[in-house]
Amino acid sequence: MRRALRGILWLGAGYFATALLAAFVTVRFFAHGTTVAVPGLAALDAKQVRQALAAKRLEMTLAGEEWSETIPAGCVVSQQPPAGTRVKRGRRVSVVLSRGSEKVSFPSLVDSTLDDAEFLLRQLGLELAALSTVPSNVPKRKILAQSPIPGTTVTRGHAVQLLVSDGPAVPTVMIPPVTGLPTRDALAQMREAGLKIAEVVYETTTGFADGTVFAQDPPGGFRGAAGDAVRLRAARSGASSGLARFVSFSFTVPDGPARRVRAMIVDEAGAVEVGSSVEEGGRVLRYSTRVQGEAAAQFFVGGTLVEERRL
């Protein structure tokens, strides 16, 4: 009787263990049926990552970017969850992509324009720290020298120094002292020095002879660039009939391309423009106007006084 009972108990225990094992296997089967192992994504680009995750019914989230000396730009540096982790389908897997190497080989910028150099530096993630200019026969804004030298390995954000051409140096001349000289002689000396005469203003004074320069700007002895404009002040004596009269005169435009020509009358009533037009070189211009007392005609070509004539 006891043996039969013991056999029944052992038989029941066997059935129970079998049922328990079957339940465990069933649970494991269904559990694995709704989860997948996260694939390894290291060094894959974004397109490959999406394809690998789609095959597992997973989705990608971009968690950021970082520099990497080993992983090409645009490829995965790290992922979360790690490869092999089992997750439910539909889970998002975050990845960090490479920005490429933080180190770059510094390019040659010499002979480039400053605009092109600045664009390339921005592309490489480098900073323009110092910019110096010097006169040079090289065209303006061309790069003459650089630091670091080409081929130097630097990290992004590195400070760069450039030396840039400011174009040919403008020659300087000494401004001749012309106070005390007759206006005609003063104008001749200024033109011989390569300077422009912006204007001659006459003022009534008894301290200087009629038509004598008594002030100039800039002063004589200073240095200026060739082509700089000079202004003169000349004396006009009060001894004059002051009578109004009509005068006629002509002016031949100096040889050269078309330029604006202005004719001014300076008399006891003040200064007035009597003509302004764009004319070709060699053209003869004729004027007729009324003047008050002592008068002079001034002719400006391209903004420069080229002749003054007593009328």
C-alpha atoms as a PDB file:
ATOM      1  CA  MET A   1       0.000   0.000   0.000  1.00  0.00           C
ATOM      2  CA  ARG A   2       2.788   2.378   0.938  1.00  0.00           C
ATOM      3  CA  ARG A   3       4.705   1.469  -2.186  1.00  0.00           C
ATOM      4  CA  ALA A   4       1.659   2.264  -4.355  1.00  0.00           C
ATOM      5  CA  LEU A   5       1.151   5.610  -2.557  1.00  0.00           C
ATOM      6  CA  ARG A   6       4.831   6.482  -2.933  1.00  0.00           C
ATOM      7  CA  GLY A   7       4.639   5.672  -6.658  1.00  0.00           C
ATOM      8  CA  ILE A   8       1.610   7.917  -7.060  1.00  0.00           C
ATOM      9  CA  LEU A   9       3.427  10.800  -5.314  1.00  0.00           C
ATOM     10  CA  TRP A  10       6.508  10.426  -7.473  1.00  0.00           C
ATOM     11  CA  LEU A  11       4.361  10.265 -10.561  1.00  0.00           C
ATOM     12  CA  GLY A  12       2.507  13.468  -9.543  1.00  0.00           C
ATOM     13  CA  ALA A  13       5.763  15.255  -8.801  1.00  0.00           C
ATOM     14  CA  GLY A  14       7.008  14.306 -12.249  1.00  0.00           C
ATOM     15  CA  TYR A  15       3.904  15.670 -13.900  1.00  0.00           C
ATOM     16  CA  PHE A  16       4.202  18.901 -11.873  1.00  0.00           C
ATOM     17  CA  ALA A  17       7.852  19.406 -12.810  1.00  0.00           C
ATOM     18  CA  THR A  18       7.050  18.791 -16.456  1.00  0.00           C
ATOM     19  CA  ALA A  19       4.219  21.326 -16.364  1.00  0.00           C
ATOM     20  CA  LEU A  20       6.439  23.898 -14.611  1.00  0.00           C
ATOM     21  CA  LEU A  21       9.186  23.466 -17.211  1.00  0.00           C
ATOM     22  CA  ALA A  22       6.678  23.815 -20.029  1.00  0.00           C
ATOM     23  CA  ALA A  23       5.319  27.027 -18.508  1.00  0.00           C
ATOM     24  CA  PHE A  24       8.854  28.451 -18.163  1.00  0.00           C
ATOM     25  CA  VAL A  25       9.676  27.616 -21.766  1.00  0.00           C
ATOM     26  CA  THR A  26       6.394  29.174 -22.923  1.00  0.00           C
ATOM     27  CA  VAL A  27       7.036  32.404 -20.997  1.00  0.00           C
ATOM     28  CA  ARG A  28      10.574  32.607 -22.351  1.00  0.00           C
ATOM     29  CA  PHE A  29       9.292  31.988 -25.865  1.00  0.00           C
ATOM     30  CA  PHE A  30       6.674  34.716 -25.745  1.00  0.00           C
ATOM     31  CA  ALA A  31       9.032  37.122 -23.973  1.00  0.00           C
ATOM     32  CA  HIS A  32      11.691  36.671 -26.663  1.00  0.00           C
ATOM     33  CA  GLY A  33       9.055  36.964 -29.305  1.00  0.00           C
ATOM     34  CA  THR A  34       8.372  40.657 -28.336  1.00  0.00           C
ATOM     35  CA  THR A  35      11.990  41.776 -27.735  1.00  0.00           C
ATOM     36  CA  VAL A  36      15.010  42.041 -29.999  1.00  0.00           C
ATOM     37  CA  ALA A  37      18.734  42.395 -29.488  1.00  0.00           C
ATOM     38  CA  VAL A  38      20.063  45.883 -30.240  1.00  0.00           C
ATOM     39  CA  PRO A  39      22.517  45.609 -33.179  1.00  0.00           C
ATOM     40  CA  GLY A  40      26.052  46.978 -33.041  1.00  0.00           C
ATOM     41  CA  LEU A  41      26.132  50.362 -34.807  1.00  0.00           C
ATOM     42  CA  ALA A  42      29.743  51.480 -34.299  1.00  0.00           C
ATOM     43  CA  ALA A  43      31.309  53.181 -37.352  1.00  0.00           C
ATOM     44  CA  LEU A  44      28.085  52.966 -39.394  1.00  0.00           C
ATOM     45  CA  ASP A  45      26.827  56.135 -41.081  1.00  0.00           C
ATOM     46  CA  ALA A  46      23.329  57.498 -40.426  1.00  0.00           C
ATOM     47  CA  LYS A  47      21.769  55.729 -43.412  1.00  0.00           C
ATOM     48  CA  GLN A  48      23.273  52.373 -42.429  1.00  0.00           C
ATOM     49  CA  VAL A  49      22.142  52.893 -38.825  1.00  0.00           C
ATOM     50  CA  ARG A  50      18.536  53.460 -39.885  1.00  0.00           C
ATOM     51  CA  GLN A  51      18.615  50.369 -42.089  1.00  0.00           C
ATOM     52  CA  ALA A  52      20.096  48.179 -39.306  1.00  0.00           C
ATOM     53  CA  LEU A  53      17.535  49.401 -36.760  1.00  0.00           C
ATOM     54  CA  ALA A  54      14.610  49.115 -39.174  1.00  0.00           C
ATOM     55  CA  ALA A  55      15.443  45.441 -39.671  1.00  0.00           C
ATOM     56  CA  LYS A  56      14.880  45.016 -35.908  1.00  0.00           C
ATOM     57  CA  ARG A  57      11.850  47.338 -35.857  1.00  0.00           C
ATOM     58  CA  LEU A  58      13.789  49.900 -33.853  1.00  0.00           C
ATOM     59  CA  GLU A  59      14.199  53.651 -34.411  1.00  0.00           C
ATOM     60  CA  MET A  60      17.170  56.039 -34.251  1.00  0.00           C
ATOM     61  CA  THR A  61      17.601  59.184 -32.131  1.00  0.00           C
ATOM     62  CA  LEU A  62      20.569  61.516 -32.687  1.00  0.00           C
ATOM     63  CA  ALA A  63      22.024  62.311 -29.254  1.00  0.00           C
ATOM     64  CA  GLY A  64      24.798  64.629 -30.489  1.00  0.00           C
ATOM     65  CA  GLU A  65      28.190  64.837 -32.167  1.00  0.00           C
ATOM     66  CA  GLU A  66      31.780  64.729 -30.932  1.00  0.00           C
ATOM     67  CA  TRP A  67      35.308  64.817 -32.316  1.00  0.00           C
ATOM     68  CA  SER A  68      36.940  61.471 -33.046  1.00  0.00           C
ATOM     69  CA  GLU A  69      40.406  60.648 -34.289  1.00  0.00           C
ATOM     70  CA  THR A  70      39.377  57.110 -35.359  1.00  0.00           C
ATOM     71  CA  ILE A  71      35.748  57.298 -36.560  1.00  0.00           C
ATOM     72  CA  PRO A  72      35.049  59.102 -39.864  1.00  0.00           C
ATOM     73  CA  ALA A  73      32.775  62.149 -39.798  1.00  0.00           C
ATOM     74  CA  GLY A  74      29.073  61.243 -39.829  1.00  0.00           C
ATOM     75  CA  CYS A  75      29.577  57.738 -38.403  1.00  0.00           C
ATOM     76  CA  VAL A  76      28.559  56.348 -35.007  1.00  0.00           C
ATOM     77  CA  VAL A  77      30.954  56.873 -32.103  1.00  0.00           C
ATOM     78  CA  SER A  78      28.722  55.445 -29.375  1.00  0.00           C
ATOM     79  CA  GLN A  79      25.179  54.106 -28.865  1.00  0.00           C
ATOM     80  CA  GLN A  80      22.684  53.617 -26.076  1.00  0.00           C
ATOM     81  CA  PRO A  81      21.527  50.918 -25.255  1.00  0.00           C
ATOM     82  CA  PRO A  82      24.746  49.004 -26.030  1.00  0.00           C
ATOM     83  CA  ALA A  83      24.887  46.323 -28.716  1.00  0.00           C
ATOM     84  CA  GLY A  84      23.316  43.007 -27.632  1.00  0.00           C
ATOM     85  CA  THR A  85      20.875  44.569 -25.138  1.00  0.00           C
ATOM     86  CA  ARG A  86      17.380  43.110 -25.533  1.00  0.00           C
ATOM     87  CA  VAL A  87      14.672  45.717 -25.872  1.00  0.00           C
ATOM     88  CA  LYS A  88      11.063  45.840 -26.992  1.00  0.00           C
ATOM     89  CA  ARG A  89      10.332  46.454 -30.630  1.00  0.00           C
ATOM     90  CA  GLY A  90       9.702  50.136 -31.367  1.00  0.00           C
ATOM     91  CA  ARG A  91      12.339  51.244 -28.854  1.00  0.00           C
ATOM     92  CA  ARG A  92      14.465  54.276 -29.851  1.00  0.00           C
ATOM     93  CA  VAL A  93      18.225  53.779 -29.890  1.00  0.00           C
ATOM     94  CA  SER A  94      20.272  56.950 -29.399  1.00  0.00           C
ATOM     95  CA  VAL A  95      23.568  57.418 -31.221  1.00  0.00           C
ATOM     96  CA  VAL A  96      26.422  59.965 -31.096  1.00  0.00           C
ATOM     97  CA  LEU A  97      27.967  60.727 -34.484  1.00  0.00           C
ATOM     98  CA  SER A  98      31.552  61.688 -35.236  1.00  0.00           C
ATOM     99  CA  ARG A  99      32.459  65.221 -36.321  1.00  0.00           C
ATOM    100  CA  GLY A 100      35.692  63.837 -37.730  1.00  0.00           C
ATOM    101  CA  SER A 101      39.195  64.541 -36.541  1.00  0.00           C
ATOM    102  CA  GLU A 102      39.728  67.585 -34.347  1.00  0.00           C
ATOM    103  CA  LYS A 103      43.151  67.961 -35.939  1.00  0.00           C
ATOM    104  CA  VAL A 104      43.625  69.557 -39.365  1.00  0.00           C
ATOM    105  CA  SER A 105      46.589  70.158 -41.617  1.00  0.00           C
ATOM    106  CA  PHE A 106      46.972  73.914 -41.984  1.00  0.00           C
ATOM    107  CA  PRO A 107      46.598  74.926 -45.656  1.00  0.00           C
ATOM    108  CA  SER A 108      48.633  77.386 -47.692  1.00  0.00           C
ATOM    109  CA  LEU A 109      46.865  80.749 -47.843  1.00  0.00           C
ATOM    110  CA  VAL A 110      49.624  82.795 -49.507  1.00  0.00           C
ATOM    111  CA  ASP A 111      48.413  84.471 -52.753  1.00  0.00           C
ATOM    112  CA  SER A 112      44.774  83.898 -51.747  1.00  0.00           C
ATOM    113  CA  THR A 113      42.510  86.891 -51.283  1.00  0.00           C
ATOM    114  CA  LEU A 114      41.586  87.783 -47.725  1.00  0.00           C
ATOM    115  CA  ASP A 115      37.934  86.889 -48.408  1.00  0.00           C
ATOM    116  CA  ASP A 116      38.871  83.404 -49.688  1.00  0.00           C
ATOM    117  CA  ALA A 117      41.223  82.842 -46.735  1.00  0.00           C
ATOM    118  CA  GLU A 118      38.569  83.817 -44.186  1.00  0.00           C
ATOM    119  CA  PHE A 119      36.054  81.464 -45.831  1.00  0.00           C
ATOM    120  CA  LEU A 120      38.510  78.530 -45.754  1.00  0.00           C
ATOM    121  CA  LEU A 121      39.410  79.193 -42.116  1.00  0.00           C
ATOM    122  CA  ARG A 122      35.726  79.085 -41.166  1.00  0.00           C
ATOM    123  CA  GLN A 123      35.327  75.797 -43.042  1.00  0.00           C
ATOM    124  CA  LEU A 124      38.221  74.289 -41.084  1.00  0.00           C
ATOM    125  CA  GLY A 125      37.037  75.650 -37.734  1.00  0.00           C
ATOM    126  CA  LEU A 126      40.094  77.900 -37.303  1.00  0.00           C
ATOM    127  CA  GLU A 127      40.132  81.407 -35.824  1.00  0.00           C
ATOM    128  CA  LEU A 128      41.668  84.535 -37.402  1.00  0.00           C
ATOM    129  CA  ALA A 129      43.435  86.030 -34.375  1.00  0.00           C
ATOM    130  CA  ALA A 130      45.610  88.759 -35.922  1.00  0.00           C
ATOM    131  CA  LEU A 131      45.596  90.600 -39.244  1.00  0.00           C
ATOM    132  CA  SER A 132      48.403  92.967 -40.274  1.00  0.00           C
ATOM    133  CA  THR A 133      48.723  94.983 -43.479  1.00  0.00           C
ATOM    134  CA  VAL A 134      51.821  96.343 -45.230  1.00  0.00           C
ATOM    135  CA  PRO A 135      52.348  98.262 -48.496  1.00  0.00           C
ATOM    136  CA  SER A 136      53.320  95.894 -51.274  1.00  0.00           C
ATOM    137  CA  ASN A 137      53.434  95.573 -55.066  1.00  0.00           C
ATOM    138  CA  VAL A 138      51.186  92.540 -54.624  1.00  0.00           C
ATOM    139  CA  PRO A 139      47.509  93.418 -55.254  1.00  0.00           C
ATOM    140  CA  LYS A 140      45.602  94.772 -52.273  1.00  0.00           C
ATOM    141  CA  ARG A 141      44.026  92.219 -49.856  1.00  0.00           C
ATOM    142  CA  LYS A 142      46.259  89.372 -51.075  1.00  0.00           C
ATOM    143  CA  ILE A 143      47.865  87.173 -48.386  1.00  0.00           C
ATOM    144  CA  LEU A 144      51.646  87.662 -48.125  1.00  0.00           C
ATOM    145  CA  ALA A 145      52.510  85.429 -45.154  1.00  0.00           C
ATOM    146  CA  GLN A 146      50.813  83.225 -42.589  1.00  0.00           C
ATOM    147  CA  SER A 147      51.341  81.574 -39.235  1.00  0.00           C
ATOM    148  CA  PRO A 148      51.302  78.593 -38.786  1.00  0.00           C
ATOM    149  CA  ILE A 149      53.142  77.561 -41.930  1.00  0.00           C
ATOM    150  CA  PRO A 150      51.386  75.252 -44.438  1.00  0.00           C
ATOM    151  CA  GLY A 151      51.276  71.592 -43.456  1.00  0.00           C
ATOM    152  CA  THR A 152      51.367  72.224 -39.703  1.00  0.00           C
ATOM    153  CA  THR A 153      48.940  69.990 -37.785  1.00  0.00           C
ATOM    154  CA  VAL A 154      46.694  72.082 -35.545  1.00  0.00           C
ATOM    155  CA  THR A 155      43.485  71.525 -33.604  1.00  0.00           C
ATOM    156  CA  ARG A 156      40.264  73.206 -34.642  1.00  0.00           C
ATOM    157  CA  GLY A 157      39.868  76.596 -33.003  1.00  0.00           C
ATOM    158  CA  HIS A 158      43.606  77.301 -33.385  1.00  0.00           C
ATOM    159  CA  ALA A 159      44.517  81.013 -33.676  1.00  0.00           C
ATOM    160  CA  VAL A 160      45.839  82.097 -37.090  1.00  0.00           C
ATOM    161  CA  GLN A 161      47.892  85.179 -38.017  1.00  0.00           C
ATOM    162  CA  LEU A 162      47.909  86.675 -41.517  1.00  0.00           C
ATOM    163  CA  LEU A 163      49.971  89.367 -43.226  1.00  0.00           C
ATOM    164  CA  VAL A 164      47.996  91.076 -45.999  1.00  0.00           C
ATOM    165  CA  SER A 165      49.041  93.405 -48.812  1.00  0.00           C
ATOM    166  CA  ASP A 166      47.738  96.970 -48.596  1.00  0.00           C
ATOM    167  CA  GLY A 167      48.674  97.585 -52.223  1.00  0.00           C
ATOM    168  CA  PRO A 168      51.500  99.753 -53.574  1.00  0.00           C
ATOM    169  CA  ALA A 169      52.738 102.449 -51.223  1.00  0.00           C
ATOM    170  CA  VAL A 170      51.601 105.956 -52.104  1.00  0.00           C
ATOM    171  CA  PRO A 171      54.706 108.120 -52.637  1.00  0.00           C
ATOM    172  CA  THR A 172      54.996 111.123 -50.353  1.00  0.00           C
ATOM    173  CA  VAL A 173      56.178 114.585 -51.329  1.00  0.00           C
ATOM    174  CA  MET A 174      57.214 117.663 -49.399  1.00  0.00           C
ATOM    175  CA  ILE A 175      54.627 120.418 -49.685  1.00  0.00           C
ATOM    176  CA  PRO A 176      56.491 123.481 -50.962  1.00  0.00           C
ATOM    177  CA  PRO A 177      56.212 126.697 -48.938  1.00  0.00           C
ATOM    178  CA  VAL A 178      54.569 129.234 -51.255  1.00  0.00           C
ATOM    179  CA  THR A 179      53.501 132.031 -48.903  1.00  0.00           C
ATOM    180  CA  GLY A 180      54.842 135.348 -50.200  1.00  0.00           C
ATOM    181  CA  LEU A 181      54.834 134.178 -53.820  1.00  0.00           C
ATOM    182  CA  PRO A 182      52.541 135.454 -56.561  1.00  0.00           C
ATOM    183  CA  THR A 183      49.603 133.134 -57.112  1.00  0.00           C
ATOM    184  CA  ARG A 184      50.817 132.092 -60.568  1.00  0.00           C
ATOM    185  CA  ASP A 185      54.217 130.971 -59.203  1.00  0.00           C
ATOM    186  CA  ALA A 186      52.606 129.221 -56.220  1.00  0.00           C
ATOM    187  CA  LEU A 187      50.339 127.200 -58.502  1.00  0.00           C
ATOM    188  CA  ALA A 188      53.283 126.206 -60.702  1.00  0.00           C
ATOM    189  CA  GLN A 189      55.294 124.927 -57.709  1.00  0.00           C
ATOM    190  CA  MET A 190      52.355 122.917 -56.367  1.00  0.00           C
ATOM    191  CA  ARG A 191      51.754 121.257 -59.713  1.00  0.00           C
ATOM    192  CA  GLU A 192      55.478 120.517 -60.108  1.00  0.00           C
ATOM    193  CA  ALA A 193      55.391 118.750 -56.714  1.00  0.00           C
ATOM    194  CA  GLY A 194      52.517 116.548 -57.896  1.00  0.00           C
ATOM    195  CA  LEU A 195      49.901 118.212 -55.693  1.00  0.00           C
ATOM    196  CA  LYS A 196      46.394 119.314 -56.581  1.00  0.00           C
ATOM    197  CA  ILE A 197      45.054 122.796 -55.969  1.00  0.00           C
ATOM    198  CA  ALA A 198      41.606 122.504 -54.433  1.00  0.00           C
ATOM    199  CA  GLU A 199      40.939 126.266 -54.379  1.00  0.00           C
ATOM    200  CA  VAL A 200      42.436 129.739 -54.197  1.00  0.00           C
ATOM    201  CA  VAL A 201      40.445 132.132 -52.045  1.00  0.00           C
ATOM    202  CA  TYR A 202      41.078 135.877 -52.391  1.00  0.00           C
ATOM    203  CA  GLU A 203      40.690 138.151 -49.392  1.00  0.00           C
ATOM    204  CA  THR A 204      40.979 141.908 -49.233  1.00  0.00           C
ATOM    205  CA  THR A 205      44.043 142.886 -47.183  1.00  0.00           C
ATOM    206  CA  THR A 206      46.660 145.634 -47.114  1.00  0.00           C
ATOM    207  CA  GLY A 207      49.371 143.500 -45.536  1.00  0.00           C
ATOM    208  CA  PHE A 208      50.399 141.802 -48.797  1.00  0.00           C
ATOM    209  CA  ALA A 209      50.772 142.819 -52.415  1.00  0.00           C
ATOM    210  CA  ASP A 210      47.833 142.145 -54.671  1.00  0.00           C
ATOM    211  CA  GLY A 211      47.759 138.510 -55.840  1.00  0.00           C
ATOM    212  CA  THR A 212      50.294 137.314 -53.229  1.00  0.00           C
ATOM    213  CA  VAL A 213      49.692 134.046 -51.354  1.00  0.00           C
ATOM    214  CA  PHE A 214      49.626 134.738 -47.611  1.00  0.00           C
ATOM    215  CA  ALA A 215      48.381 131.359 -46.298  1.00  0.00           C
ATOM    216  CA  GLN A 216      48.321 127.724 -47.365  1.00  0.00           C
ATOM    217  CA  ASP A 217      46.828 124.474 -46.055  1.00  0.00           C
ATOM    218  CA  PRO A 218      48.667 122.168 -45.422  1.00  0.00           C
ATOM    219  CA  PRO A 219      51.618 124.392 -44.450  1.00  0.00           C
ATOM    220  CA  GLY A 220      54.852 124.324 -46.402  1.00  0.00           C
ATOM    221  CA  GLY A 221      57.441 121.798 -45.226  1.00  0.00           C
ATOM    222  CA  PHE A 222      54.879 119.148 -44.298  1.00  0.00           C
ATOM    223  CA  ARG A 223      54.850 115.854 -46.167  1.00  0.00           C
ATOM    224  CA  GLY A 224      51.788 114.645 -48.003  1.00  0.00           C
ATOM    225  CA  ALA A 225      50.790 111.956 -50.471  1.00  0.00           C
ATOM    226  CA  ALA A 226      51.161 112.662 -54.154  1.00  0.00           C
ATOM    227  CA  GLY A 227      47.847 113.960 -55.404  1.00  0.00           C
ATOM    228  CA  ASP A 228      46.797 115.522 -52.096  1.00  0.00           C
ATOM    229  CA  ALA A 229      44.763 118.720 -52.361  1.00  0.00           C
ATOM    230  CA  VAL A 230      46.162 122.077 -51.211  1.00  0.00           C
ATOM    231  CA  ARG A 231      44.180 125.260 -50.473  1.00  0.00           C
ATOM    232  CA  LEU A 232      45.648 128.725 -50.863  1.00  0.00           C
ATOM    233  CA  ARG A 233      44.583 132.171 -49.622  1.00  0.00           C
ATOM    234  CA  ALA A 234      45.778 135.160 -51.626  1.00  0.00           C
ATOM    235  CA  ALA A 235      45.640 138.912 -51.060  1.00  0.00           C
ATOM    236  CA  ARG A 236      43.455 141.278 -52.960  1.00  0.00           C
ATOM    237  CA  SER A 237      44.210 144.974 -52.481  1.00  0.00           C
ATOM    238  CA  GLY A 238      41.423 147.427 -51.924  1.00  0.00           C
ATOM    239  CA  ALA A 239      42.732 149.691 -54.722  1.00  0.00           C
ATOM    240  CA  SER A 240      40.350 149.060 -57.562  1.00  0.00           C
ATOM    241  CA  SER A 241      37.933 150.980 -59.702  1.00  0.00           C
ATOM    242  CA  GLY A 242      35.225 148.498 -58.682  1.00  0.00           C
ATOM    243  CA  LEU A 243      33.510 149.064 -62.002  1.00  0.00           C
ATOM    244  CA  ALA A 244      31.333 146.352 -63.481  1.00  0.00           C
ATOM    245  CA  ARG A 245      32.386 145.167 -66.915  1.00  0.00           C
ATOM    246  CA  PHE A 246      31.892 142.274 -69.333  1.00  0.00           C
ATOM    247  CA  VAL A 247      34.777 139.952 -70.172  1.00  0.00           C
ATOM    248  CA  SER A 248      35.215 137.148 -72.675  1.00  0.00           C
ATOM    249  CA  PHE A 249      37.825 134.419 -72.400  1.00  0.00           C
ATOM    250  CA  SER A 250      38.544 130.850 -73.496  1.00  0.00           C
ATOM    251  CA  PHE A 251      40.115 127.713 -72.063  1.00  0.00           C
ATOM    252  CA  THR A 252      41.603 124.689 -73.842  1.00  0.00           C
ATOM    253  CA  VAL A 253      40.959 121.417 -72.008  1.00  0.00           C
ATOM    254  CA  PRO A 254      44.266 119.541 -71.397  1.00  0.00           C
ATOM    255  CA  ASP A 255      44.786 116.327 -73.334  1.00  0.00           C
ATOM    256  CA  GLY A 256      43.316 113.209 -71.759  1.00  0.00           C
ATOM    257  CA  PRO A 257      40.037 111.369 -71.265  1.00  0.00           C
ATOM    258  CA  ALA A 258      36.732 113.121 -70.709  1.00  0.00           C
ATOM    259  CA  ARG A 259      36.647 114.923 -67.346  1.00  0.00           C
ATOM    260  CA  ARG A 260      34.508 117.526 -65.651  1.00  0.00           C
ATOM    261  CA  VAL A 261      35.709 121.072 -66.340  1.00  0.00           C
ATOM    262  CA  ARG A 262      34.627 123.937 -64.068  1.00  0.00           C
ATOM    263  CA  ALA A 263      35.248 127.637 -64.663  1.00  0.00           C
ATOM    264  CA  MET A 264      35.105 130.034 -61.710  1.00  0.00           C
ATOM    265  CA  ILE A 265      35.214 133.835 -61.602  1.00  0.00           C
ATOM    266  CA  VAL A 266      36.738 135.427 -58.488  1.00  0.00           C
ATOM    267  CA  ASP A 267      36.172 139.195 -58.299  1.00  0.00           C
ATOM    268  CA  GLU A 268      35.378 141.895 -55.769  1.00  0.00           C
ATOM    269  CA  ALA A 269      31.820 140.563 -55.469  1.00  0.00           C
ATOM    270  CA  GLY A 270      33.041 137.100 -54.500  1.00  0.00           C
ATOM    271  CA  ALA A 271      33.363 133.778 -56.346  1.00  0.00           C
ATOM    272  CA  VAL A 272      30.852 132.366 -58.821  1.00  0.00           C
ATOM    273  CA  GLU A 273      30.814 129.360 -61.154  1.00  0.00           C
ATOM    274  CA  VAL A 274      30.341 130.299 -64.805  1.00  0.00           C
ATOM    275  CA  GLY A 275      30.600 126.846 -66.378  1.00  0.00           C
ATOM    276  CA  SER A 276      30.617 123.131 -65.511  1.00  0.00           C
ATOM    277  CA  SER A 277      30.584 120.309 -68.067  1.00  0.00           C
ATOM    278  CA  VAL A 278      32.271 117.019 -68.975  1.00  0.00           C
ATOM    279  CA  GLU A 279      34.664 117.620 -71.851  1.00  0.00           C
ATOM    280  CA  GLU A 280      37.190 115.672 -73.939  1.00  0.00           C
ATOM    281  CA  GLY A 281      40.845 116.703 -74.022  1.00  0.00           C
ATOM    282  CA  GLY A 282      41.668 119.357 -76.609  1.00  0.00           C
ATOM    283  CA  ARG A 283      38.226 120.974 -76.567  1.00  0.00           C
ATOM    284  CA  VAL A 284      38.219 124.806 -76.578  1.00  0.00           C
ATOM    285  CA  LEU A 285      35.638 126.319 -74.214  1.00  0.00           C
ATOM    286  CA  ARG A 286      34.541 129.961 -74.500  1.00  0.00           C
ATOM    287  CA  TYR A 287      32.964 132.047 -71.768  1.00  0.00           C
ATOM    288  CA  SER A 288      31.483 135.534 -71.478  1.00  0.00           C
ATOM    289  CA  THR A 289      30.365 137.012 -68.174  1.00  0.00           C
ATOM    290  CA  ARG A 290      30.130 140.143 -66.062  1.00  0.00           C
ATOM    291  CA  VAL A 291      32.758 140.870 -63.382  1.00  0.00           C
ATOM    292  CA  GLN A 292      33.104 143.464 -60.651  1.00  0.00           C
ATOM    293  CA  GLY A 293      36.446 145.300 -60.461  1.00  0.00           C
ATOM    294  CA  GLU A 294      39.619 143.189 -60.332  1.00  0.00           C
ATOM    295  CA  ALA A 295      38.858 139.611 -61.431  1.00  0.00           C
ATOM    296  CA  ALA A 296      40.509 136.286 -62.133  1.00  0.00           C
ATOM    297  CA  ALA A 297      39.307 133.140 -63.906  1.00  0.00           C
ATOM    298  CA  GLN A 298      40.046 129.742 -62.333  1.00  0.00           C
ATOM    299  CA  PHE A 299      39.826 126.513 -64.336  1.00  0.00           C
ATOM    300  CA  PHE A 300      39.360 123.143 -62.579  1.00  0.00           C
ATOM    301  CA  VAL A 301      39.780 119.849 -64.452  1.00  0.00           C
ATOM    302  CA  GLY A 302      38.730 116.695 -62.604  1.00  0.00           C
ATOM    303  CA  GLY A 303      38.497 118.662 -59.359  1.00  0.00           C
ATOM    304  CA  THR A 304      42.028 120.132 -59.641  1.00  0.00           C
ATOM    305  CA  LEU A 305      42.814 123.788 -60.297  1.00  0.00           C
ATOM    306  CA  VAL A 306      45.013 123.715 -63.381  1.00  0.00           C
ATOM    307  CA  GLU A 307      45.097 127.398 -64.345  1.00  0.00           C
ATOM    308  CA  GLU A 308      44.323 130.832 -62.918  1.00  0.00           C
ATOM    309  CA  ARG A 309      44.210 133.840 -65.175  1.00  0.00           C
ATOM    310  CA  ARG A 310      43.807 137.570 -64.482  1.00  0.00           C
ATOM    311  CA  LEU A 311      41.018 139.162 -66.492  1.00  0.00           C
END
